[in-house]
Amino acid sequence: MKIIFSKKGFDTQNGKWPSPILPDGSMYSIPIPASEGNFRYGQLEYKLNGLTRIMNDVTGNSIKSGKKVYIDFDYAHTHFTAHNDPFWIEEQYLKGYVLGPLWSAQGHLRNYKVGRGDLFLFYGIFQEVEEVDGKWRYQPESRMRYVFFGWLQIGEIVDLHDRQRRSDLLQQVPGIKSHPHVYKDYKINNMLYIPMQGDLMIGGKSTGKDCSGRFSYHNKRCLSSPFNNNTLNPWLLPRCFSSKEAFSKKTVIQQVNDQSIEITFLAKFNQEVVFDIDKLNDMGKAQTYEFLYNLMD
């Protein structure tokens, strides 16, 4: 089994602002701006206050796209479109996230033989928000950090260049037509990762969770090390992740204590990082599975 650490949503280059951790602990990964797409920021929803109003308040009505920062930006009524991937869907035959990596990201997953049964852990930049005197803001005492917000255990990898399989998928799951990689016909490495249906299995054991889902906030789901208060990196993970050979990207690993290590990646871009549990000894495998059970609990 492989774990894929998959970075998604607003970051410092695309969007600029942390996605919000809401007062009830729910999280919403804000998708990055995109020049072509069928999802608009005005479609963002939150059951209590309206996520577009929260984003307008905390960002001061601004967004970054590439090197340009747009001001007087209204998330509720903007013409901007967003790349809404991973895409959440709930239909009779499919519930959960559907992921569409492209180009080099898909090539990396293919090179490391990511496939059925492997587990994506989606993470992004998040920070707590609060409402004060009718206006939302980032909590002054909080910090932005990487946080896990969802997961997907792979059931099928669909090649969207296969017209028959694409047609069958659209017939079975009509709502998937709104996924950005189905809406736009990309020419290279255009794949969809579809979750299994049923219970999430880790190490041959059922977790009692769906094969794809959303996390609520908990400290145990923070990926950024708390020992570096003002930075997103390094990551903090249990010692079972100390095998450099199990990672698909080159790392610097430093032991923090008997239980934990800090991990820094040498490459600048790490959108998809694969960790191969099968390269660990039996104790390492058991500890990694225990980390995943705890993450899901």
C-alpha atoms as a PDB file:
ATOM      1  CA  MET A   1       0.000   0.000   0.000  1.00  0.00           C
ATOM      2  CA  LYS A   2       1.136   3.527  -0.795  1.00  0.00           C
ATOM      3  CA  ILE A   3       0.212   6.845   0.795  1.00  0.00           C
ATOM      4  CA  ILE A   4       0.098   9.861  -1.493  1.00  0.00           C
ATOM      5  CA  PHE A   5       0.487  13.210   0.252  1.00  0.00           C
ATOM      6  CA  SER A   6      -1.435  15.452  -2.166  1.00  0.00           C
ATOM      7  CA  LYS A   7      -1.301  19.247  -1.788  1.00  0.00           C
ATOM      8  CA  LYS A   8      -4.474  21.033  -2.920  1.00  0.00           C
ATOM      9  CA  GLY A   9      -6.283  24.364  -2.615  1.00  0.00           C
ATOM     10  CA  PHE A  10      -5.096  27.933  -2.051  1.00  0.00           C
ATOM     11  CA  ASP A  11      -1.364  28.357  -1.554  1.00  0.00           C
ATOM     12  CA  THR A  12       1.038  31.303  -1.408  1.00  0.00           C
ATOM     13  CA  GLN A  13       1.269  31.523  -5.219  1.00  0.00           C
ATOM     14  CA  ASN A  14      -2.314  30.709  -6.201  1.00  0.00           C
ATOM     15  CA  GLY A  15      -4.948  32.344  -4.056  1.00  0.00           C
ATOM     16  CA  LYS A  16      -2.463  33.582  -1.412  1.00  0.00           C
ATOM     17  CA  TRP A  17      -4.726  33.154   1.610  1.00  0.00           C
ATOM     18  CA  PRO A  18      -5.175  30.158   3.939  1.00  0.00           C
ATOM     19  CA  SER A  19      -8.368  28.169   3.545  1.00  0.00           C
ATOM     20  CA  PRO A  20     -10.611  28.573   6.600  1.00  0.00           C
ATOM     21  CA  ILE A  21     -10.972  26.387   9.655  1.00  0.00           C
ATOM     22  CA  LEU A  22     -14.477  27.315  10.794  1.00  0.00           C
ATOM     23  CA  PRO A  23     -15.592  27.673  14.425  1.00  0.00           C
ATOM     24  CA  ASP A  24     -17.352  24.283  14.390  1.00  0.00           C
ATOM     25  CA  GLY A  25     -14.140  22.575  13.217  1.00  0.00           C
ATOM     26  CA  SER A  26     -15.238  22.086   9.618  1.00  0.00           C
ATOM     27  CA  MET A  27     -12.767  22.917   6.868  1.00  0.00           C
ATOM     28  CA  TYR A  28     -13.217  23.925   3.250  1.00  0.00           C
ATOM     29  CA  SER A  29     -10.292  23.822   0.845  1.00  0.00           C
ATOM     30  CA  ILE A  30     -10.657  26.883  -1.424  1.00  0.00           C
ATOM     31  CA  PRO A  31      -9.787  25.876  -5.013  1.00  0.00           C
ATOM     32  CA  ILE A  32      -7.087  27.803  -6.867  1.00  0.00           C
ATOM     33  CA  PRO A  33      -7.945  30.312  -9.625  1.00  0.00           C
ATOM     34  CA  ALA A  34      -8.086  28.960 -13.167  1.00  0.00           C
ATOM     35  CA  SER A  35      -8.432  30.735 -16.503  1.00  0.00           C
ATOM     36  CA  GLU A  36     -10.670  27.987 -17.837  1.00  0.00           C
ATOM     37  CA  GLY A  37     -13.303  26.163 -15.858  1.00  0.00           C
ATOM     38  CA  ASN A  38     -16.976  25.849 -15.043  1.00  0.00           C
ATOM     39  CA  PHE A  39     -16.792  26.466 -11.267  1.00  0.00           C
ATOM     40  CA  ARG A  40     -17.118  30.010  -9.920  1.00  0.00           C
ATOM     41  CA  TYR A  41     -16.193  31.201  -6.464  1.00  0.00           C
ATOM     42  CA  GLY A  42     -19.787  32.308  -5.959  1.00  0.00           C
ATOM     43  CA  GLN A  43     -20.676  28.594  -5.744  1.00  0.00           C
ATOM     44  CA  LEU A  44     -18.765  28.223  -2.465  1.00  0.00           C
ATOM     45  CA  GLU A  45     -21.209  27.413   0.305  1.00  0.00           C
ATOM     46  CA  TYR A  46     -21.208  27.114   4.057  1.00  0.00           C
ATOM     47  CA  LYS A  47     -24.279  26.075   5.986  1.00  0.00           C
ATOM     48  CA  LEU A  48     -24.254  28.937   8.546  1.00  0.00           C
ATOM     49  CA  ASN A  49     -22.886  32.197   7.195  1.00  0.00           C
ATOM     50  CA  GLY A  50     -21.996  31.822   3.532  1.00  0.00           C
ATOM     51  CA  LEU A  51     -18.415  30.919   2.694  1.00  0.00           C
ATOM     52  CA  THR A  52     -18.120  33.676   0.098  1.00  0.00           C
ATOM     53  CA  ARG A  53     -18.762  36.311   2.788  1.00  0.00           C
ATOM     54  CA  ILE A  54     -16.156  34.717   5.032  1.00  0.00           C
ATOM     55  CA  MET A  55     -13.584  34.785   2.220  1.00  0.00           C
ATOM     56  CA  ASN A  56     -14.400  38.387   1.319  1.00  0.00           C
ATOM     57  CA  ASP A  57     -13.883  39.431   4.934  1.00  0.00           C
ATOM     58  CA  VAL A  58     -10.703  37.514   5.775  1.00  0.00           C
ATOM     59  CA  THR A  59      -8.925  38.346   2.485  1.00  0.00           C
ATOM     60  CA  GLY A  60      -9.997  41.990   2.359  1.00  0.00           C
ATOM     61  CA  ASN A  61     -11.652  41.199  -0.998  1.00  0.00           C
ATOM     62  CA  SER A  62      -8.416  40.060  -2.645  1.00  0.00           C
ATOM     63  CA  ILE A  63      -6.975  37.036  -4.428  1.00  0.00           C
ATOM     64  CA  LYS A  64      -3.648  36.192  -6.052  1.00  0.00           C
ATOM     65  CA  SER A  65      -3.408  34.524  -9.433  1.00  0.00           C
ATOM     66  CA  GLY A  66       0.142  33.874 -10.588  1.00  0.00           C
ATOM     67  CA  LYS A  67       2.134  37.056  -9.939  1.00  0.00           C
ATOM     68  CA  LYS A  68      -0.870  39.381  -9.860  1.00  0.00           C
ATOM     69  CA  VAL A  69      -2.956  40.282  -6.814  1.00  0.00           C
ATOM     70  CA  TYR A  70      -6.533  41.335  -7.557  1.00  0.00           C
ATOM     71  CA  ILE A  71      -8.183  43.775  -5.152  1.00  0.00           C
ATOM     72  CA  ASP A  72     -11.872  44.719  -4.854  1.00  0.00           C
ATOM     73  CA  PHE A  73     -12.463  41.035  -5.511  1.00  0.00           C
ATOM     74  CA  ASP A  74     -15.935  39.745  -4.646  1.00  0.00           C
ATOM     75  CA  TYR A  75     -15.977  35.972  -4.115  1.00  0.00           C
ATOM     76  CA  ALA A  76     -19.772  35.941  -4.379  1.00  0.00           C
ATOM     77  CA  HIS A  77     -20.132  37.708  -7.733  1.00  0.00           C
ATOM     78  CA  THR A  78     -16.786  37.399  -9.470  1.00  0.00           C
ATOM     79  CA  HIS A  79     -16.330  36.258 -13.045  1.00  0.00           C
ATOM     80  CA  PHE A  80     -13.245  34.282 -11.912  1.00  0.00           C
ATOM     81  CA  THR A  81     -13.367  30.533 -12.331  1.00  0.00           C
ATOM     82  CA  ALA A  82     -11.578  28.013 -10.136  1.00  0.00           C
ATOM     83  CA  HIS A  83      -9.949  24.611 -10.575  1.00  0.00           C
ATOM     84  CA  ASN A  84     -12.209  22.592  -8.290  1.00  0.00           C
ATOM     85  CA  ASP A  85     -10.041  19.490  -7.887  1.00  0.00           C
ATOM     86  CA  PRO A  86     -10.337  17.227  -5.951  1.00  0.00           C
ATOM     87  CA  PHE A  87     -14.016  17.368  -6.826  1.00  0.00           C
ATOM     88  CA  TRP A  88     -16.597  16.245  -4.266  1.00  0.00           C
ATOM     89  CA  ILE A  89     -19.552  14.279  -5.626  1.00  0.00           C
ATOM     90  CA  GLU A  90     -22.516  12.484  -4.055  1.00  0.00           C
ATOM     91  CA  GLU A  91     -24.584  10.280  -6.351  1.00  0.00           C
ATOM     92  CA  GLN A  92     -26.144   6.826  -6.235  1.00  0.00           C
ATOM     93  CA  TYR A  93     -23.076   5.006  -7.528  1.00  0.00           C
ATOM     94  CA  LEU A  94     -20.334   7.322  -6.304  1.00  0.00           C
ATOM     95  CA  LYS A  95     -19.721   9.317  -3.161  1.00  0.00           C
ATOM     96  CA  GLY A  96     -16.494  11.096  -2.282  1.00  0.00           C
ATOM     97  CA  TYR A  97     -13.621  12.975  -3.837  1.00  0.00           C
ATOM     98  CA  VAL A  98     -12.634  12.440  -7.461  1.00  0.00           C
ATOM     99  CA  LEU A  99      -9.099  13.543  -8.341  1.00  0.00           C
ATOM    100  CA  GLY A 100      -7.677  14.498 -11.717  1.00  0.00           C
ATOM    101  CA  PRO A 101      -3.886  14.956 -11.668  1.00  0.00           C
ATOM    102  CA  LEU A 102      -2.362  16.207 -14.913  1.00  0.00           C
ATOM    103  CA  TRP A 103       0.943  16.327 -16.746  1.00  0.00           C
ATOM    104  CA  SER A 104       3.985  15.877 -14.485  1.00  0.00           C
ATOM    105  CA  ALA A 105       1.852  15.142 -11.396  1.00  0.00           C
ATOM    106  CA  GLN A 106       0.175  12.218 -13.166  1.00  0.00           C
ATOM    107  CA  GLY A 107       3.512  11.137 -14.591  1.00  0.00           C
ATOM    108  CA  HIS A 108       4.960  11.013 -11.074  1.00  0.00           C
ATOM    109  CA  LEU A 109       2.065   8.867  -9.827  1.00  0.00           C
ATOM    110  CA  ARG A 110       2.405   6.542 -12.811  1.00  0.00           C
ATOM    111  CA  ASN A 111       6.176   6.217 -12.354  1.00  0.00           C
ATOM    112  CA  TYR A 112       5.689   5.119  -8.752  1.00  0.00           C
ATOM    113  CA  LYS A 113       2.940   2.657  -9.718  1.00  0.00           C
ATOM    114  CA  VAL A 114       0.155   4.252  -7.697  1.00  0.00           C
ATOM    115  CA  GLY A 115      -2.997   2.184  -8.135  1.00  0.00           C
ATOM    116  CA  ARG A 116      -6.019   0.464  -6.667  1.00  0.00           C
ATOM    117  CA  GLY A 117      -6.063   0.387  -2.858  1.00  0.00           C
ATOM    118  CA  ASP A 118      -3.528   3.187  -2.428  1.00  0.00           C
ATOM    119  CA  LEU A 119      -4.540   6.146  -0.295  1.00  0.00           C
ATOM    120  CA  PHE A 120      -4.485   9.862  -1.101  1.00  0.00           C
ATOM    121  CA  LEU A 121      -4.245  12.173   1.907  1.00  0.00           C
ATOM    122  CA  PHE A 122      -5.251  15.662   0.783  1.00  0.00           C
ATOM    123  CA  TYR A 123      -3.718  18.577   2.630  1.00  0.00           C
ATOM    124  CA  GLY A 124      -3.523  22.328   2.180  1.00  0.00           C
ATOM    125  CA  ILE A 125      -2.846  25.623   3.938  1.00  0.00           C
ATOM    126  CA  PHE A 126      -5.441  26.370   6.621  1.00  0.00           C
ATOM    127  CA  GLN A 127      -5.993  28.825   9.460  1.00  0.00           C
ATOM    128  CA  GLU A 128      -8.740  29.375  12.035  1.00  0.00           C
ATOM    129  CA  VAL A 129     -11.311  32.114  11.379  1.00  0.00           C
ATOM    130  CA  GLU A 130     -13.694  33.850  13.763  1.00  0.00           C
ATOM    131  CA  GLU A 131     -16.532  36.359  13.537  1.00  0.00           C
ATOM    132  CA  VAL A 132     -16.101  39.567  15.548  1.00  0.00           C
ATOM    133  CA  ASP A 133     -18.727  42.337  15.465  1.00  0.00           C
ATOM    134  CA  GLY A 134     -20.307  40.881  12.336  1.00  0.00           C
ATOM    135  CA  LYS A 135     -17.043  40.596  10.388  1.00  0.00           C
ATOM    136  CA  TRP A 136     -14.868  37.542   9.820  1.00  0.00           C
ATOM    137  CA  ARG A 137     -11.108  37.496  10.381  1.00  0.00           C
ATOM    138  CA  TYR A 138      -8.251  35.058  10.824  1.00  0.00           C
ATOM    139  CA  GLN A 139      -7.774  34.439  14.528  1.00  0.00           C
ATOM    140  CA  PRO A 140      -4.858  36.681  15.556  1.00  0.00           C
ATOM    141  CA  GLU A 141      -3.322  34.035  17.830  1.00  0.00           C
ATOM    142  CA  SER A 142      -3.501  31.292  15.167  1.00  0.00           C
ATOM    143  CA  ARG A 143      -0.988  30.471  12.431  1.00  0.00           C
ATOM    144  CA  MET A 144      -1.365  29.167   8.930  1.00  0.00           C
ATOM    145  CA  ARG A 145      -0.192  25.577   8.538  1.00  0.00           C
ATOM    146  CA  TYR A 146      -0.582  22.459   6.451  1.00  0.00           C
ATOM    147  CA  VAL A 147      -3.600  20.414   7.556  1.00  0.00           C
ATOM    148  CA  PHE A 148      -5.104  17.195   6.195  1.00  0.00           C
ATOM    149  CA  PHE A 149      -8.658  17.888   4.973  1.00  0.00           C
ATOM    150  CA  GLY A 150      -9.685  14.698   3.174  1.00  0.00           C
ATOM    151  CA  TRP A 151      -8.815  11.285   1.779  1.00  0.00           C
ATOM    152  CA  LEU A 152      -9.453   9.014  -1.194  1.00  0.00           C
ATOM    153  CA  GLN A 153      -8.698   5.298  -1.443  1.00  0.00           C
ATOM    154  CA  ILE A 154      -8.313   4.456  -5.111  1.00  0.00           C
ATOM    155  CA  GLY A 155     -10.817   2.094  -6.649  1.00  0.00           C
ATOM    156  CA  GLU A 156     -10.205   2.829 -10.331  1.00  0.00           C
ATOM    157  CA  ILE A 157      -8.030   5.030 -12.502  1.00  0.00           C
ATOM    158  CA  VAL A 158     -10.008   6.160 -15.543  1.00  0.00           C
ATOM    159  CA  ASP A 159      -8.154   7.208 -18.691  1.00  0.00           C
ATOM    160  CA  LEU A 160     -10.328  10.011 -20.075  1.00  0.00           C
ATOM    161  CA  HIS A 161      -8.748   9.543 -23.498  1.00  0.00           C
ATOM    162  CA  ASP A 162     -10.646   6.233 -23.637  1.00  0.00           C
ATOM    163  CA  ARG A 163     -13.875   7.523 -25.171  1.00  0.00           C
ATOM    164  CA  GLN A 164     -15.926   4.440 -24.360  1.00  0.00           C
ATOM    165  CA  ARG A 165     -14.893   4.407 -20.695  1.00  0.00           C
ATOM    166  CA  ARG A 166     -15.497   8.156 -20.480  1.00  0.00           C
ATOM    167  CA  SER A 167     -18.981   7.722 -21.962  1.00  0.00           C
ATOM    168  CA  ASP A 168     -19.803   4.856 -19.597  1.00  0.00           C
ATOM    169  CA  LEU A 169     -18.662   6.901 -16.592  1.00  0.00           C
ATOM    170  CA  LEU A 170     -20.781   9.891 -17.595  1.00  0.00           C
ATOM    171  CA  GLN A 171     -23.800   7.652 -18.021  1.00  0.00           C
ATOM    172  CA  GLN A 172     -23.317   6.006 -14.629  1.00  0.00           C
ATOM    173  CA  VAL A 173     -22.348   9.212 -12.739  1.00  0.00           C
ATOM    174  CA  PRO A 174     -23.851  12.195 -14.620  1.00  0.00           C
ATOM    175  CA  GLY A 175     -22.586  14.753 -12.108  1.00  0.00           C
ATOM    176  CA  ILE A 176     -18.994  13.921 -12.900  1.00  0.00           C
ATOM    177  CA  LYS A 177     -19.306  16.052 -16.030  1.00  0.00           C
ATOM    178  CA  SER A 178     -18.629  19.047 -13.737  1.00  0.00           C
ATOM    179  CA  HIS A 179     -15.159  17.813 -12.800  1.00  0.00           C
ATOM    180  CA  PRO A 180     -12.688  20.248 -14.428  1.00  0.00           C
ATOM    181  CA  HIS A 181     -10.828  17.454 -16.219  1.00  0.00           C
ATOM    182  CA  VAL A 182     -14.030  16.110 -17.741  1.00  0.00           C
ATOM    183  CA  TYR A 183     -15.391  19.574 -18.556  1.00  0.00           C
ATOM    184  CA  LYS A 184     -12.155  20.456 -20.391  1.00  0.00           C
ATOM    185  CA  ASP A 185     -10.647  17.819 -22.644  1.00  0.00           C
ATOM    186  CA  TYR A 186      -6.956  17.899 -21.685  1.00  0.00           C
ATOM    187  CA  LYS A 187      -4.750  16.196 -24.246  1.00  0.00           C
ATOM    188  CA  ILE A 188      -1.960  14.744 -22.075  1.00  0.00           C
ATOM    189  CA  ASN A 189      -2.112  12.470 -19.011  1.00  0.00           C
ATOM    190  CA  ASN A 190      -5.785  13.208 -18.348  1.00  0.00           C
ATOM    191  CA  MET A 191      -6.783  10.680 -15.697  1.00  0.00           C
ATOM    192  CA  LEU A 192      -9.476  10.458 -13.027  1.00  0.00           C
ATOM    193  CA  TYR A 193      -8.899   8.696  -9.717  1.00  0.00           C
ATOM    194  CA  ILE A 194     -12.202   7.246  -8.532  1.00  0.00           C
ATOM    195  CA  PRO A 195     -12.652   6.088  -4.918  1.00  0.00           C
ATOM    196  CA  MET A 196     -13.619   2.593  -3.916  1.00  0.00           C
ATOM    197  CA  GLN A 197     -17.123   2.284  -2.557  1.00  0.00           C
ATOM    198  CA  GLY A 198     -17.596   0.678   0.836  1.00  0.00           C
ATOM    199  CA  ASP A 199     -15.348   0.667   3.895  1.00  0.00           C
ATOM    200  CA  LEU A 200     -11.864   2.145   3.892  1.00  0.00           C
ATOM    201  CA  MET A 201      -9.387  -0.703   4.344  1.00  0.00           C
ATOM    202  CA  ILE A 202      -5.956  -0.157   5.911  1.00  0.00           C
ATOM    203  CA  GLY A 203      -3.579  -3.060   6.339  1.00  0.00           C
ATOM    204  CA  GLY A 204      -6.384  -5.498   5.582  1.00  0.00           C
ATOM    205  CA  LYS A 205      -8.535  -4.078   8.381  1.00  0.00           C
ATOM    206  CA  SER A 206     -11.749  -2.086   8.008  1.00  0.00           C
ATOM    207  CA  THR A 207     -11.744   1.393   9.550  1.00  0.00           C
ATOM    208  CA  GLY A 208     -15.527   1.755   9.485  1.00  0.00           C
ATOM    209  CA  LYS A 209     -15.059   4.897   7.366  1.00  0.00           C
ATOM    210  CA  ASP A 210     -15.990   5.491   3.740  1.00  0.00           C
ATOM    211  CA  CYS A 211     -13.256   5.112   1.143  1.00  0.00           C
ATOM    212  CA  SER A 212     -13.327   8.861   0.597  1.00  0.00           C
ATOM    213  CA  GLY A 213     -14.315  11.609   2.974  1.00  0.00           C
ATOM    214  CA  ARG A 214     -13.674  14.955   4.642  1.00  0.00           C
ATOM    215  CA  PHE A 215     -11.853  15.560   7.891  1.00  0.00           C
ATOM    216  CA  SER A 216     -12.911  17.981  10.581  1.00  0.00           C
ATOM    217  CA  TYR A 217     -10.106  19.877  12.269  1.00  0.00           C
ATOM    218  CA  HIS A 218      -7.991  18.246  14.971  1.00  0.00           C
ATOM    219  CA  ASN A 219      -4.405  18.926  16.036  1.00  0.00           C
ATOM    220  CA  LYS A 220      -3.464  15.373  15.028  1.00  0.00           C
ATOM    221  CA  ARG A 221      -4.330  16.294  11.424  1.00  0.00           C
ATOM    222  CA  CYS A 222      -1.750  19.109  11.289  1.00  0.00           C
ATOM    223  CA  LEU A 223       1.176  18.296   9.024  1.00  0.00           C
ATOM    224  CA  SER A 224       3.345  21.393   9.669  1.00  0.00           C
ATOM    225  CA  SER A 225       5.717  21.019  12.592  1.00  0.00           C
ATOM    226  CA  PRO A 226       4.634  23.074  15.640  1.00  0.00           C
ATOM    227  CA  PHE A 227       8.305  23.584  16.508  1.00  0.00           C
ATOM    228  CA  ASN A 228       8.650  26.080  13.632  1.00  0.00           C
ATOM    229  CA  ASN A 229       5.944  28.566  14.527  1.00  0.00           C
ATOM    230  CA  ASN A 230       5.967  30.758  11.426  1.00  0.00           C
ATOM    231  CA  THR A 231       6.627  28.280   8.627  1.00  0.00           C
ATOM    232  CA  LEU A 232       4.666  25.638   6.728  1.00  0.00           C
ATOM    233  CA  ASN A 233       7.673  23.339   6.576  1.00  0.00           C
ATOM    234  CA  PRO A 234       9.096  21.022   7.784  1.00  0.00           C
ATOM    235  CA  TRP A 235       6.450  18.335   8.225  1.00  0.00           C
ATOM    236  CA  LEU A 236       6.070  16.558  11.561  1.00  0.00           C
ATOM    237  CA  LEU A 237       5.326  12.832  11.312  1.00  0.00           C
ATOM    238  CA  PRO A 238       5.855   9.703  13.414  1.00  0.00           C
ATOM    239  CA  ARG A 239       9.222   7.925  13.252  1.00  0.00           C
ATOM    240  CA  CYS A 240       7.757   5.209  11.011  1.00  0.00           C
ATOM    241  CA  PHE A 241       8.133   7.753   8.166  1.00  0.00           C
ATOM    242  CA  SER A 242      11.916   7.999   8.649  1.00  0.00           C
ATOM    243  CA  SER A 243      12.764   5.751   5.672  1.00  0.00           C
ATOM    244  CA  LYS A 244      14.081   8.027   2.914  1.00  0.00           C
ATOM    245  CA  GLU A 245      13.882   5.120   0.451  1.00  0.00           C
ATOM    246  CA  ALA A 246      10.105   4.887   0.937  1.00  0.00           C
ATOM    247  CA  PHE A 247       9.536   8.479  -0.258  1.00  0.00           C
ATOM    248  CA  SER A 248       9.307   9.380  -3.943  1.00  0.00           C
ATOM    249  CA  LYS A 249      11.024  12.742  -3.329  1.00  0.00           C
ATOM    250  CA  LYS A 250      14.436  13.409  -1.767  1.00  0.00           C
ATOM    251  CA  THR A 251      14.196  14.382   1.886  1.00  0.00           C
ATOM    252  CA  VAL A 252      16.153  15.660   4.853  1.00  0.00           C
ATOM    253  CA  ILE A 253      14.934  13.928   8.018  1.00  0.00           C
ATOM    254  CA  GLN A 254      15.684  15.087  11.547  1.00  0.00           C
ATOM    255  CA  GLN A 255      14.650  13.286  14.709  1.00  0.00           C
ATOM    256  CA  VAL A 256      12.683  15.489  17.137  1.00  0.00           C
ATOM    257  CA  ASN A 257      12.110  12.997  19.948  1.00  0.00           C
ATOM    258  CA  ASP A 258      11.544   9.261  20.484  1.00  0.00           C
ATOM    259  CA  GLN A 259       8.209   9.385  18.638  1.00  0.00           C
ATOM    260  CA  SER A 260       8.546  12.079  15.950  1.00  0.00           C
ATOM    261  CA  ILE A 261      10.649  13.308  13.046  1.00  0.00           C
ATOM    262  CA  GLU A 262      10.712  16.474  10.940  1.00  0.00           C
ATOM    263  CA  ILE A 263      10.814  16.072   7.148  1.00  0.00           C
ATOM    264  CA  THR A 264      12.035  18.657   4.647  1.00  0.00           C
ATOM    265  CA  PHE A 265      11.825  18.024   0.906  1.00  0.00           C
ATOM    266  CA  LEU A 266      14.695  19.145  -1.316  1.00  0.00           C
ATOM    267  CA  ALA A 267      12.530  19.686  -4.409  1.00  0.00           C
ATOM    268  CA  LYS A 268      10.691  22.994  -4.765  1.00  0.00           C
ATOM    269  CA  PHE A 269       7.443  21.472  -6.037  1.00  0.00           C
ATOM    270  CA  ASN A 270       5.913  18.568  -4.139  1.00  0.00           C
ATOM    271  CA  GLN A 271       2.298  18.437  -5.263  1.00  0.00           C
ATOM    272  CA  GLU A 272       2.213  14.646  -5.053  1.00  0.00           C
ATOM    273  CA  VAL A 273       4.578  12.789  -2.706  1.00  0.00           C
ATOM    274  CA  VAL A 274       4.354   8.993  -2.609  1.00  0.00           C
ATOM    275  CA  PHE A 275       5.286   6.957   0.466  1.00  0.00           C
ATOM    276  CA  ASP A 276       5.550   3.199  -0.114  1.00  0.00           C
ATOM    277  CA  ILE A 277       4.600   1.330   3.084  1.00  0.00           C
ATOM    278  CA  ASP A 278       5.696  -1.966   1.545  1.00  0.00           C
ATOM    279  CA  LYS A 279       9.337  -0.812   1.742  1.00  0.00           C
ATOM    280  CA  LEU A 280       9.155  -0.794   5.562  1.00  0.00           C
ATOM    281  CA  ASN A 281       9.825  -3.669   7.933  1.00  0.00           C
ATOM    282  CA  ASP A 282       6.916  -5.278   9.781  1.00  0.00           C
ATOM    283  CA  MET A 283       7.169  -2.929  12.742  1.00  0.00           C
ATOM    284  CA  GLY A 284       7.274   0.125  10.464  1.00  0.00           C
ATOM    285  CA  LYS A 285       4.230  -1.105   8.556  1.00  0.00           C
ATOM    286  CA  ALA A 286       2.263  -1.667  11.760  1.00  0.00           C
ATOM    287  CA  GLN A 287       3.174   1.791  13.077  1.00  0.00           C
ATOM    288  CA  THR A 288       2.207   3.449   9.794  1.00  0.00           C
ATOM    289  CA  TYR A 289      -1.147   1.672   9.756  1.00  0.00           C
ATOM    290  CA  GLU A 290      -1.686   2.794  13.355  1.00  0.00           C
ATOM    291  CA  PHE A 291      -0.938   6.393  12.307  1.00  0.00           C
ATOM    292  CA  LEU A 292      -3.595   6.115   9.585  1.00  0.00           C
ATOM    293  CA  TYR A 293      -6.186   4.546  11.923  1.00  0.00           C
ATOM    294  CA  ASN A 294      -5.608   7.386  14.391  1.00  0.00           C
ATOM    295  CA  LEU A 295      -5.859  10.006  11.640  1.00  0.00           C
ATOM    296  CA  MET A 296      -9.246   8.616  10.604  1.00  0.00           C
ATOM    297  CA  ASP A 297     -10.636   8.248  14.134  1.00  0.00           C
END
